[in-house]
Amino acid sequence: MTTQTWIITGASRGFGRALAQTALAAGDNVVAAVRRPDSVADLETEYPGTCLVATFDARDTAVGARLVRDTVDRFGRLDVLVNNAGRAVVGAVEEVGDEQLRELMDLHLFGPAALVRAALPGMRAQGAGTIVQMSSQAGRMSFPGVSTYAASKFALEGWSEALAGEVAPFGIRVMIVEPSRFRTGFNGADVLEFAEASETYRDLLAAVRADMAGTDGRQEGDPERAAEIIVSLVHGDEVPLRLPLGREAVERISGVYRRGLDEVERWAETARSADFEGVPASVRPI
């Protein structure tokens, strides 16, 4: 198995840490990009020749080029970029303000986009590379109380789907990972943020808030198994554009596709009637 060099953001816990440990155990090089270097100091101690810890804030669009440069200076190349850093805000649309919405967009879209742009020239030059975008089942579906989180993941997925078509001719692959609930610390009290509940939505979202707050440590997904799957795919010949992870993600996302197709078919004739009569459908390059 050819040695790969990874950048993994948010490697201090959850999927990021599991991916770093799995890749390092497989003999790969890993740059653990974290806000608190002490959180992964043990990995650097255990793998002194193949693990580099880098101080990195995934919301900062100005530091991606430096992170890529430091990676190449240390290991000679960059093969795999994992945009993993993330968190959620729970609250109704009217409860979540602009600042919270923009912060999640910075974390889940603008930061990853800047880091991908920094990585692409080197990947193009070597004719190979894999970009792993850690999304969520909420990147394909949404429900009351998670509009902010889902919006940022929907945006990441749309951006990444276009990216995949643009970079495929250069030998660069894109994989969007859509996990359900895993024991990553995502639902921990120090990570999950709740908007202040309003009188209007307090009762309506009470069950959602309780569910999100009470699931930490009881999720069915195993981050280590997920990491093994992702690392194995990255080392393989083919990656899917989208990879739902966990039984819940498979079932829920499958249901979303089915309901969406049913709705399109139900309103198809109404939708088609909006076109000019007698004008043929456009011929597009995609």
Protein backbone atom coordinates (compact mmCIF):
# COMPACT_ATOMS: atom_id res chain seq x y z
CA MET A 1 0.00 0.00 0.00
CA THR A 2 1.51 3.30 -1.15
CA THR A 3 2.24 5.77 1.64
CA GLN A 4 -0.05 8.79 1.56
CA THR A 5 0.29 12.18 3.22
CA TRP A 6 -2.84 13.57 4.85
CA ILE A 7 -3.99 16.91 6.21
CA ILE A 8 -6.86 16.37 8.66
CA THR A 9 -8.59 19.36 10.20
CA GLY A 10 -10.32 19.01 13.55
CA ALA A 11 -8.10 16.06 14.45
CA SER A 12 -8.34 16.56 18.20
CA ARG A 13 -11.40 14.35 18.64
CA GLY A 14 -14.11 12.35 16.90
CA PHE A 15 -13.78 11.49 13.24
CA GLY A 16 -10.66 13.61 12.84
CA ARG A 17 -8.73 11.86 15.58
CA ALA A 18 -9.95 8.42 14.49
CA LEU A 19 -8.85 9.14 10.92
CA ALA A 20 -5.46 10.40 12.08
CA GLN A 21 -4.87 7.32 14.23
CA THR A 22 -5.99 4.94 11.50
CA ALA A 23 -3.90 6.58 8.79
CA LEU A 24 -0.82 6.71 11.02
CA ALA A 25 -1.25 3.06 12.00
CA ALA A 26 -1.41 2.22 8.29
CA GLY A 27 2.00 3.85 7.79
CA ASP A 28 0.81 7.12 6.31
CA ASN A 29 1.98 10.63 7.14
CA VAL A 30 -0.54 12.87 8.89
CA VAL A 31 -0.65 16.60 9.53
CA ALA A 32 -3.10 17.04 12.40
CA ALA A 33 -4.47 20.57 11.97
CA VAL A 34 -6.03 21.68 15.26
CA ARG A 35 -6.69 24.80 17.30
CA ARG A 36 -5.13 23.25 20.42
CA PRO A 37 -1.87 21.43 19.62
CA ASP A 38 -1.77 19.83 23.07
CA SER A 39 -4.90 17.85 22.19
CA VAL A 40 -2.93 15.68 19.76
CA ALA A 41 0.53 15.84 21.33
CA ASP A 42 0.27 12.13 22.14
CA LEU A 43 -0.03 11.27 18.44
CA GLU A 44 3.11 13.22 17.62
CA THR A 45 4.91 11.44 20.47
CA GLU A 46 3.76 8.00 19.30
CA TYR A 47 4.51 8.71 15.62
CA PRO A 48 7.38 11.24 15.70
CA GLY A 49 8.47 10.65 12.12
CA THR A 50 5.08 10.62 10.45
CA CYS A 51 2.86 12.94 12.49
CA LEU A 52 3.09 16.72 12.34
CA VAL A 53 0.87 18.85 14.55
CA ALA A 54 -0.12 22.22 13.08
CA THR A 55 -1.98 25.03 14.81
CA PHE A 56 -4.94 25.79 12.58
CA ASP A 57 -8.34 27.46 12.81
CA ALA A 58 -10.58 26.04 10.07
CA ARG A 59 -12.54 29.32 9.91
CA ASP A 60 -9.45 31.31 8.90
CA THR A 61 -9.33 31.46 5.11
CA ALA A 62 -5.90 33.13 5.11
CA VAL A 63 -3.84 30.30 6.57
CA GLY A 64 -4.59 27.40 4.23
CA ALA A 65 -1.65 28.08 1.91
CA ARG A 66 0.77 28.04 4.84
CA LEU A 67 -0.62 24.73 6.10
CA VAL A 68 -0.21 23.14 2.67
CA ARG A 69 3.30 24.58 2.32
CA ASP A 70 4.35 23.25 5.74
CA THR A 71 2.97 19.83 4.82
CA VAL A 72 4.92 19.68 1.56
CA ASP A 73 8.08 20.99 3.25
CA ARG A 74 7.89 18.18 5.82
CA PHE A 75 6.68 15.23 3.75
CA GLY A 76 7.31 16.20 0.13
CA ARG A 77 3.72 16.11 -1.09
CA LEU A 78 0.06 16.21 -0.11
CA ASP A 79 -2.17 13.31 -1.15
CA VAL A 80 -5.30 13.56 1.00
CA LEU A 81 -7.09 16.59 2.41
CA VAL A 82 -9.84 15.95 4.97
CA ASN A 83 -12.04 18.91 5.86
CA ASN A 84 -13.44 17.57 9.11
CA ALA A 85 -13.61 20.42 11.64
CA GLY A 86 -17.18 21.28 12.52
CA ARG A 87 -19.92 21.73 15.07
CA ALA A 88 -23.65 22.50 15.23
CA VAL A 89 -26.03 25.19 16.40
CA VAL A 90 -29.54 24.10 17.38
CA GLY A 91 -32.41 26.57 17.18
CA ALA A 92 -35.29 27.80 15.05
CA VAL A 93 -34.60 30.10 12.12
CA GLU A 94 -35.89 33.07 14.13
CA GLU A 95 -33.74 32.15 17.13
CA VAL A 96 -30.38 31.91 15.33
CA GLY A 97 -28.80 35.25 14.45
CA ASP A 98 -26.59 36.30 11.57
CA GLU A 99 -23.41 35.94 13.59
CA GLN A 100 -24.06 32.29 14.42
CA LEU A 101 -25.10 31.52 10.85
CA ARG A 102 -22.03 33.19 9.38
CA GLU A 103 -19.72 31.44 11.85
CA LEU A 104 -20.97 28.03 10.74
CA MET A 105 -20.68 29.01 7.09
CA ASP A 106 -17.08 30.06 7.75
CA LEU A 107 -16.38 26.76 9.47
CA HIS A 108 -18.14 24.41 7.04
CA LEU A 109 -17.84 26.20 3.69
CA PHE A 110 -15.50 29.19 3.40
CA GLY A 111 -12.67 27.67 5.44
CA PRO A 112 -12.75 24.30 3.65
CA ALA A 113 -13.06 26.04 0.28
CA ALA A 114 -9.93 28.11 0.92
CA LEU A 115 -7.98 25.04 2.04
CA VAL A 116 -9.04 23.07 -1.04
CA ARG A 117 -7.95 25.93 -3.30
CA ALA A 118 -4.56 25.92 -1.58
CA ALA A 119 -4.19 22.16 -2.06
CA LEU A 120 -5.28 21.87 -5.68
CA PRO A 121 -2.19 23.23 -7.52
CA GLY A 122 0.08 20.63 -5.95
CA MET A 123 -2.41 17.81 -6.51
CA ARG A 124 -2.79 18.82 -10.15
CA ALA A 125 0.96 18.91 -10.61
CA GLN A 126 1.34 15.37 -9.28
CA GLY A 127 -1.74 14.14 -11.15
CA ALA A 128 -3.39 12.66 -8.09
CA GLY A 129 -5.09 13.52 -4.83
CA THR A 130 -8.20 12.87 -2.76
CA ILE A 131 -10.34 15.48 -1.05
CA VAL A 132 -12.60 14.15 1.71
CA GLN A 133 -15.37 16.50 2.76
CA MET A 134 -16.93 15.47 6.08
CA SER A 135 -20.56 16.47 5.67
CA SER A 136 -23.53 14.86 7.41
CA GLN A 137 -26.84 13.22 6.68
CA ALA A 138 -27.99 16.80 7.32
CA GLY A 139 -26.20 17.71 4.09
CA ARG A 140 -29.01 15.93 2.22
CA MET A 141 -31.98 16.54 4.54
CA SER A 142 -33.09 19.02 7.16
CA PHE A 143 -35.65 19.28 9.91
CA PRO A 144 -36.86 21.93 12.38
CA GLY A 145 -34.16 23.14 14.73
CA VAL A 146 -31.10 22.42 12.56
CA SER A 147 -31.51 24.97 9.77
CA THR A 148 -28.15 26.62 10.43
CA TYR A 149 -26.16 23.40 10.49
CA ALA A 150 -27.98 21.90 7.51
CA ALA A 151 -27.59 25.08 5.46
CA SER A 152 -23.83 25.02 5.91
CA LYS A 153 -23.61 21.32 4.98
CA PHE A 154 -25.95 21.70 2.00
CA ALA A 155 -23.66 24.49 0.79
CA LEU A 156 -20.55 22.35 1.26
CA GLU A 157 -22.10 19.49 -0.69
CA GLY A 158 -23.20 21.64 -3.62
CA TRP A 159 -19.78 23.27 -3.79
CA SER A 160 -18.03 19.89 -3.56
CA GLU A 161 -20.17 18.24 -6.23
CA ALA A 162 -19.18 20.91 -8.73
CA LEU A 163 -15.55 20.62 -7.58
CA ALA A 164 -15.58 16.87 -8.23
CA GLY A 165 -16.42 17.39 -11.90
CA GLU A 166 -13.85 20.13 -12.31
CA VAL A 167 -10.88 18.25 -10.89
CA ALA A 168 -11.56 14.68 -12.07
CA PRO A 169 -9.69 15.24 -15.37
CA PHE A 170 -6.55 15.97 -13.32
CA GLY A 171 -6.72 12.69 -11.38
CA ILE A 172 -8.15 14.30 -8.24
CA ARG A 173 -11.04 12.60 -6.46
CA VAL A 174 -13.68 14.09 -4.17
CA MET A 175 -15.61 12.10 -1.58
CA ILE A 176 -18.43 13.64 0.46
CA VAL A 177 -19.00 11.67 3.66
CA GLU A 178 -22.51 11.83 5.15
CA PRO A 179 -22.52 10.25 8.63
CA SER A 180 -25.49 9.72 10.88
CA ARG A 181 -24.91 9.71 14.64
CA PHE A 182 -21.46 8.63 15.78
CA ARG A 183 -19.78 8.83 19.18
CA THR A 184 -17.53 11.71 18.24
CA GLY A 185 -18.24 14.26 20.95
CA PHE A 186 -20.35 16.23 18.46
CA ASN A 187 -23.28 16.23 20.89
CA GLY A 188 -21.15 17.05 23.93
CA ALA A 189 -22.11 19.98 26.13
CA ASP A 190 -18.83 21.73 25.31
CA VAL A 191 -19.39 21.44 21.53
CA LEU A 192 -23.09 21.60 20.73
CA GLU A 193 -24.51 25.12 20.86
CA PHE A 194 -28.14 25.94 21.56
CA ALA A 195 -29.69 29.22 20.54
CA GLU A 196 -31.72 30.87 23.29
CA ALA A 197 -35.18 29.32 23.17
CA SER A 198 -38.00 31.72 22.40
CA GLU A 199 -41.55 31.47 23.71
CA THR A 200 -42.77 30.93 20.15
CA TYR A 201 -40.70 27.81 19.46
CA ARG A 202 -39.95 26.51 22.97
CA ASP A 203 -42.53 23.72 22.93
CA LEU A 204 -42.28 23.03 19.20
CA LEU A 205 -38.54 22.28 19.40
CA ALA A 206 -38.42 20.86 22.93
CA ALA A 207 -38.11 17.26 21.72
CA VAL A 208 -35.40 18.17 19.21
CA ARG A 209 -33.37 20.03 21.81
CA ALA A 210 -33.70 17.18 24.31
CA ASP A 211 -32.75 14.60 21.71
CA MET A 212 -29.67 16.51 20.54
CA ALA A 213 -28.52 17.18 24.10
CA GLY A 214 -29.21 13.69 25.41
CA THR A 215 -27.61 11.48 22.79
CA ASP A 216 -23.94 12.04 23.64
CA GLY A 217 -22.27 8.70 24.31
CA ARG A 218 -25.27 6.71 23.12
CA GLN A 219 -24.89 7.12 19.36
CA GLU A 220 -24.84 3.89 17.36
CA GLY A 221 -21.96 4.86 15.07
CA ASP A 222 -18.38 3.78 15.79
CA PRO A 223 -15.84 6.45 14.67
CA GLU A 224 -13.02 3.90 14.48
CA ARG A 225 -14.95 1.70 12.08
CA ALA A 226 -15.87 4.75 10.04
CA ALA A 227 -12.21 5.80 9.89
CA GLU A 228 -11.18 2.33 8.71
CA ILE A 229 -13.72 2.52 5.88
CA ILE A 230 -12.59 5.99 4.79
CA VAL A 231 -8.87 5.18 4.92
CA SER A 232 -9.46 1.96 3.00
CA LEU A 233 -11.41 3.80 0.29
CA VAL A 234 -8.76 6.51 0.02
CA HIS A 235 -6.12 3.83 -0.52
CA GLY A 236 -8.34 2.08 -3.09
CA ASP A 237 -8.90 2.64 -6.77
CA GLU A 238 -12.36 4.19 -6.49
CA VAL A 239 -14.21 6.47 -4.11
CA PRO A 240 -17.92 7.32 -4.22
CA LEU A 241 -18.93 10.94 -4.66
CA ARG A 242 -21.22 10.53 -1.66
CA LEU A 243 -20.79 8.03 1.15
CA PRO A 244 -23.59 7.79 3.73
CA LEU A 245 -22.15 6.29 6.91
CA GLY A 246 -24.25 4.38 9.43
CA ARG A 247 -27.56 2.55 9.08
CA GLU A 248 -29.58 5.65 9.96
CA ALA A 249 -27.86 7.70 7.27
CA VAL A 250 -28.49 5.02 4.65
CA GLU A 251 -32.18 4.74 5.54
CA ARG A 252 -32.85 8.46 5.96
CA ILE A 253 -31.00 9.59 2.84
CA SER A 254 -32.61 6.81 0.79
CA GLY A 255 -35.99 8.03 2.02
CA VAL A 256 -35.17 11.60 1.04
CA TYR A 257 -34.32 10.54 -2.50
CA ARG A 258 -37.52 8.49 -2.81
CA ARG A 259 -39.75 11.27 -1.47
CA GLY A 260 -38.02 13.81 -3.67
CA LEU A 261 -38.55 11.71 -6.79
CA ASP A 262 -42.19 11.11 -5.86
CA GLU A 263 -42.74 14.85 -5.46
CA VAL A 264 -41.07 15.65 -8.79
CA GLU A 265 -43.23 13.09 -10.56
CA ARG A 266 -46.39 14.33 -8.85
CA TRP A 267 -45.88 17.90 -10.06
CA ALA A 268 -44.09 17.10 -13.34
CA GLU A 269 -46.84 18.15 -15.71
CA THR A 270 -47.39 21.42 -13.84
CA ALA A 271 -43.65 22.09 -13.92
CA ARG A 272 -43.34 21.29 -17.65
CA SER A 273 -46.16 23.70 -18.48
CA ALA A 274 -43.91 26.65 -17.54
CA ASP A 275 -41.92 26.27 -20.79
CA PHE A 276 -42.69 28.00 -24.09
CA GLU A 277 -44.78 25.74 -26.31
CA GLY A 278 -42.94 24.14 -29.21
CA VAL A 279 -39.46 25.10 -27.95
CA PRO A 280 -37.21 22.03 -27.61
CA ALA A 281 -35.37 21.34 -24.39
CA SER A 282 -31.92 22.90 -24.06
CA VAL A 283 -28.85 20.86 -24.93
CA ARG A 284 -26.38 21.26 -22.08
CA PRO A 285 -22.79 20.04 -21.63
CA ILE A 286 -23.60 18.26 -18.35
